[in-house]
Protein backbone atom coordinates (compact mmCIF):
# COMPACT_ATOMS: atom_id res chain seq x y z
CA UNK A 1 25.40 -19.96 -6.90
CA UNK A 2 23.12 -19.64 -9.99
CA UNK A 3 19.72 -17.98 -9.52
CA UNK A 4 16.86 -18.40 -12.00
CA UNK A 5 14.95 -15.13 -12.30
CA UNK A 6 11.46 -15.09 -13.85
CA UNK A 7 10.69 -12.12 -16.05
CA UNK A 8 7.33 -10.50 -16.79
CA UNK A 9 5.63 -8.11 -19.13
CA UNK A 10 8.11 -5.50 -20.54
CA UNK A 11 11.14 -7.13 -19.02
CA UNK A 12 10.14 -10.46 -20.61
CA UNK A 13 9.65 -8.75 -24.05
CA UNK A 14 12.96 -6.92 -23.84
CA UNK A 15 14.86 -10.10 -22.93
CA UNK A 16 12.96 -12.27 -25.47
CA UNK A 17 12.52 -15.00 -22.81
CA UNK A 18 10.58 -15.54 -19.56
CA UNK A 19 13.53 -16.35 -17.31
CA UNK A 20 17.26 -15.84 -17.04
CA UNK A 21 20.08 -17.29 -14.97
CA UNK A 22 22.21 -14.94 -12.82
CA UNK A 23 25.48 -15.95 -11.01
CA UNK A 24 25.70 -14.47 -7.56
CA UNK A 25 28.04 -15.05 -4.56
CA UNK A 26 26.89 -16.82 -1.48
CA UNK A 27 25.27 -14.37 0.88
CA UNK A 28 24.05 -12.05 -1.86
CA UNK A 29 21.16 -9.65 -1.40
CA UNK A 30 18.50 -8.23 -3.78
CA UNK A 31 20.73 -5.21 -4.33
CA UNK A 32 23.47 -7.52 -5.67
CA UNK A 33 20.98 -9.17 -7.95
CA UNK A 34 19.80 -5.79 -9.31
CA UNK A 35 23.41 -4.68 -9.91
CA UNK A 36 24.37 -8.03 -11.53
CA UNK A 37 21.39 -7.67 -13.96
CA UNK A 38 22.49 -3.98 -14.52
CA UNK A 39 18.98 -2.63 -13.33
CA UNK A 40 18.48 0.66 -11.54
CA UNK A 41 17.02 0.59 -8.11
CA UNK A 42 13.23 1.10 -8.19
CA UNK A 43 12.96 0.27 -11.85
CA UNK A 44 11.18 -2.96 -10.85
CA UNK A 45 10.45 -4.90 -7.66
CA UNK A 46 12.06 -8.14 -6.76
CA UNK A 47 9.78 -10.96 -5.48
CA UNK A 48 11.28 -13.83 -3.52
CA UNK A 49 9.13 -16.83 -2.91
CA UNK A 50 6.05 -14.83 -4.04
CA UNK A 51 6.63 -12.06 -1.46
CA UNK A 52 7.98 -8.55 -2.24
CA UNK A 53 11.47 -8.04 -1.02
CA UNK A 54 13.50 -4.95 -0.34
CA UNK A 55 17.11 -4.41 -1.48
CA UNK A 56 18.47 -5.79 1.78
CA UNK A 57 16.74 -9.17 1.63
CA UNK A 58 18.92 -12.25 1.07
CA UNK A 59 18.73 -14.29 -2.06
CA UNK A 60 19.42 -17.96 -1.59
CA UNK A 61 19.87 -21.02 -3.85
CA UNK A 62 16.48 -22.57 -4.45
CA UNK A 63 14.48 -19.38 -3.94
CA UNK A 64 11.74 -18.62 -6.54
CA UNK A 65 12.84 -15.20 -7.80
CA UNK A 66 10.97 -12.86 -10.05
CA UNK A 67 11.38 -9.27 -11.37
CA UNK A 68 8.12 -7.40 -11.31
CA UNK A 69 7.92 -4.30 -13.51
CA UNK A 70 5.37 -1.49 -12.76
CA UNK A 71 1.86 -3.18 -12.71
CA UNK A 72 -0.92 -2.36 -15.05
CA UNK A 73 -2.51 0.95 -14.05
CA UNK A 74 0.95 2.14 -13.08
CA UNK A 75 1.30 5.81 -12.39
CA UNK A 76 -1.82 7.42 -11.25
CA UNK A 77 -3.48 4.32 -9.71
CA UNK A 78 -3.01 5.92 -6.39
CA UNK A 79 -4.91 9.12 -6.78
CA UNK A 80 -4.79 10.61 -3.28
CA UNK A 81 -2.62 10.03 -0.13
CA UNK A 82 -2.89 12.47 2.78
CA UNK A 83 -2.27 12.49 6.43
CA UNK A 84 -3.84 15.90 7.47
CA UNK A 85 -5.28 17.88 10.24
CA UNK A 86 -8.03 19.05 7.86
CA UNK A 87 -11.55 17.55 7.72
CA UNK A 88 -11.92 14.68 5.25
CA UNK A 89 -14.21 15.00 2.25
CA UNK A 90 -15.89 11.81 1.23
CA UNK A 91 -17.18 13.24 -2.02
CA UNK A 92 -13.67 14.38 -3.08
CA UNK A 93 -12.24 10.89 -2.50
CA UNK A 94 -15.12 9.18 -4.53
CA UNK A 95 -14.36 11.56 -7.34
CA UNK A 96 -10.75 10.98 -7.22
CA UNK A 97 -11.06 7.23 -7.87
CA UNK A 98 -13.67 7.45 -10.60
CA UNK A 99 -12.34 5.95 -13.80
CA UNK A 100 -13.64 5.12 -17.25
CA UNK A 101 -12.57 1.47 -16.70
CA UNK A 102 -14.29 1.31 -13.32
CA UNK A 103 -17.93 -0.05 -12.92
CA UNK A 104 -17.78 0.10 -9.12
CA UNK A 105 -16.58 2.54 -6.48
CA UNK A 106 -16.45 1.44 -2.87
CA UNK A 107 -15.65 3.84 0.12
CA UNK A 108 -14.96 3.14 3.71
CA UNK A 109 -15.15 5.80 6.49
CA UNK A 110 -13.87 5.23 9.93
CA UNK A 111 -15.91 7.53 12.18
CA UNK A 112 -15.52 8.52 15.84
CA UNK A 113 -18.08 6.75 17.98
CA UNK A 114 -19.07 6.52 21.62
CA UNK A 115 -16.40 9.07 22.89
CA UNK A 116 -16.45 12.77 22.76
CA UNK A 117 -13.58 12.88 20.38
CA UNK A 118 -10.41 11.07 19.30
CA UNK A 119 -6.93 12.65 19.26
CA UNK A 120 -4.64 11.33 16.63
CA UNK A 121 -0.87 11.56 16.40
CA UNK A 122 1.07 10.48 13.32
CA UNK A 123 4.63 10.13 11.93
CA UNK A 124 3.31 11.93 8.98
CA UNK A 125 6.10 11.61 6.51
CA UNK A 126 6.37 7.79 7.05
CA UNK A 127 2.57 7.31 7.35
CA UNK A 128 2.03 8.94 3.87
CA UNK A 129 4.77 6.71 2.34
CA UNK A 130 3.20 3.76 3.90
CA UNK A 131 -0.26 4.61 2.67
CA UNK A 132 1.05 4.99 -0.78
CA UNK A 133 2.79 1.68 -0.73
CA UNK A 134 -0.30 -0.09 0.63
CA UNK A 135 -2.42 1.53 -2.14
CA UNK A 136 -0.02 0.35 -4.83
CA UNK A 137 0.14 -3.16 -3.48
CA UNK A 138 -3.56 -3.63 -2.82
CA UNK A 139 -4.39 -2.19 -6.35
CA UNK A 140 -2.03 -4.71 -7.91
CA UNK A 141 -3.38 -7.54 -5.81
CA UNK A 142 -7.11 -6.91 -6.43
CA UNK A 143 -6.85 -5.42 -9.92
CA UNK A 144 -8.23 -2.11 -8.78
CA UNK A 145 -8.63 0.86 -11.28
CA UNK A 146 -7.69 3.64 -8.71
CA UNK A 147 -7.36 4.00 -4.91
CA UNK A 148 -7.31 6.92 -2.44
CA UNK A 149 -6.33 6.89 1.20
CA UNK A 150 -6.60 9.75 3.80
CA UNK A 151 -6.21 9.88 7.55
CA UNK A 152 -6.79 12.64 10.08
CA UNK A 153 -4.31 13.95 12.65
CA UNK A 154 -5.23 16.04 15.68
CA UNK A 155 -8.78 16.15 17.16
CA UNK A 156 -11.67 14.24 15.42
CA UNK A 157 -15.03 14.94 17.06
CA UNK A 158 -17.83 12.46 17.57
CA UNK A 159 -19.45 11.64 14.15
CA UNK A 160 -16.63 12.84 11.97
CA UNK A 161 -14.43 10.56 9.77
CA UNK A 162 -10.92 9.98 10.88
CA UNK A 163 -9.95 7.80 7.87
CA UNK A 164 -11.42 7.27 4.44
CA UNK A 165 -10.30 4.65 1.89
CA UNK A 166 -11.68 4.52 -1.63
CA UNK A 167 -11.34 1.76 -4.28
CA UNK A 168 -12.62 1.57 -7.79
CA UNK A 169 -12.53 -1.56 -10.01
CA UNK A 170 -14.28 -2.90 -13.16
CA UNK A 171 -16.52 -5.05 -10.88
CA UNK A 172 -18.01 -4.77 -7.40
CA UNK A 173 -16.20 -7.96 -6.08
CA UNK A 174 -12.80 -6.50 -6.56
CA UNK A 175 -13.90 -3.04 -5.32
CA UNK A 176 -15.31 -4.40 -2.07
CA UNK A 177 -12.35 -6.75 -1.46
CA UNK A 178 -9.91 -3.94 -2.30
CA UNK A 179 -11.52 -1.45 0.14
CA UNK A 180 -11.44 -4.09 2.84
CA UNK A 181 -7.86 -4.78 2.31
CA UNK A 182 -6.93 -1.14 2.24
CA UNK A 183 -8.50 -0.32 5.60
CA UNK A 184 -7.30 -3.54 7.22
CA UNK A 185 -3.70 -2.73 6.21
CA UNK A 186 -3.89 0.98 7.10
CA UNK A 187 -5.07 -0.01 10.62
CA UNK A 188 -2.21 -2.55 10.99
CA UNK A 189 0.70 -0.76 9.22
CA UNK A 190 0.56 3.07 9.30
CA UNK A 191 2.46 4.78 12.15
CA UNK A 192 -0.67 6.44 13.54
CA UNK A 193 -1.81 6.42 17.27
CA UNK A 194 -4.96 7.64 18.84
CA UNK A 195 -6.25 8.72 22.43
CA UNK A 196 -9.97 8.43 23.30
CA UNK A 197 -11.30 11.55 25.04
CA UNK A 198 -14.25 10.95 27.33
CA UNK A 199 -17.25 13.26 28.16
CA UNK A 200 -15.40 14.64 31.25
CA UNK A 201 -12.10 15.14 29.23
CA UNK A 202 -10.56 11.88 30.56
CA UNK A 203 -8.01 10.50 28.13
CA UNK A 204 -7.26 6.89 27.33
CA UNK A 205 -4.55 5.85 24.88
CA UNK A 206 -5.70 3.03 22.71
CA UNK A 207 -3.21 0.19 22.69
CA UNK A 208 -2.06 -1.22 19.36
CA UNK A 209 0.20 -3.83 17.90
CA UNK A 210 3.71 -3.59 16.37
CA UNK A 211 3.54 -3.47 12.61
CA UNK A 212 4.72 -6.40 10.37
């Protein structure tokens, strides 16, 4: 089968055209496409039907396929990612995302309320990778200048923040929308779990949903 692949930015400039045709066998996957185009893994991202696809995703005749090079802002757009047992510092995250191109900085704090404390458990290594991916994807989607995402583990007392996300952008609309998208995706996708601890020490695990 012949797949038409759209090219953007530096990939388009190097090829001298905005799309190429690639011949692939039936049942091919993204990894086969990258190999056929002699592209190294992680040198770009493949989008299929306007959704990012991993290397195991199938490529079928009729799919809209595009190669997405590193987005504007690139390295450094995700300024801080941490899953930590230490107290979170709102001012430090605000400072981390300040940028000469940004006219707006928006921060969101998720704070323990109504219970004595929250007890967080995380798959830390995976959670940090997921937070970084969320930051990169949301920054590209909303045109953000910089982002930072940090989440607590362990015991977080009443009134203290358990999660902070920060977004900067040229204008306030993008910054507000980006911050909202960051926290919504962190809550839905990061492998982090919590238990509520009541005034008498009673514990209740907060039920969640499966990611993705």
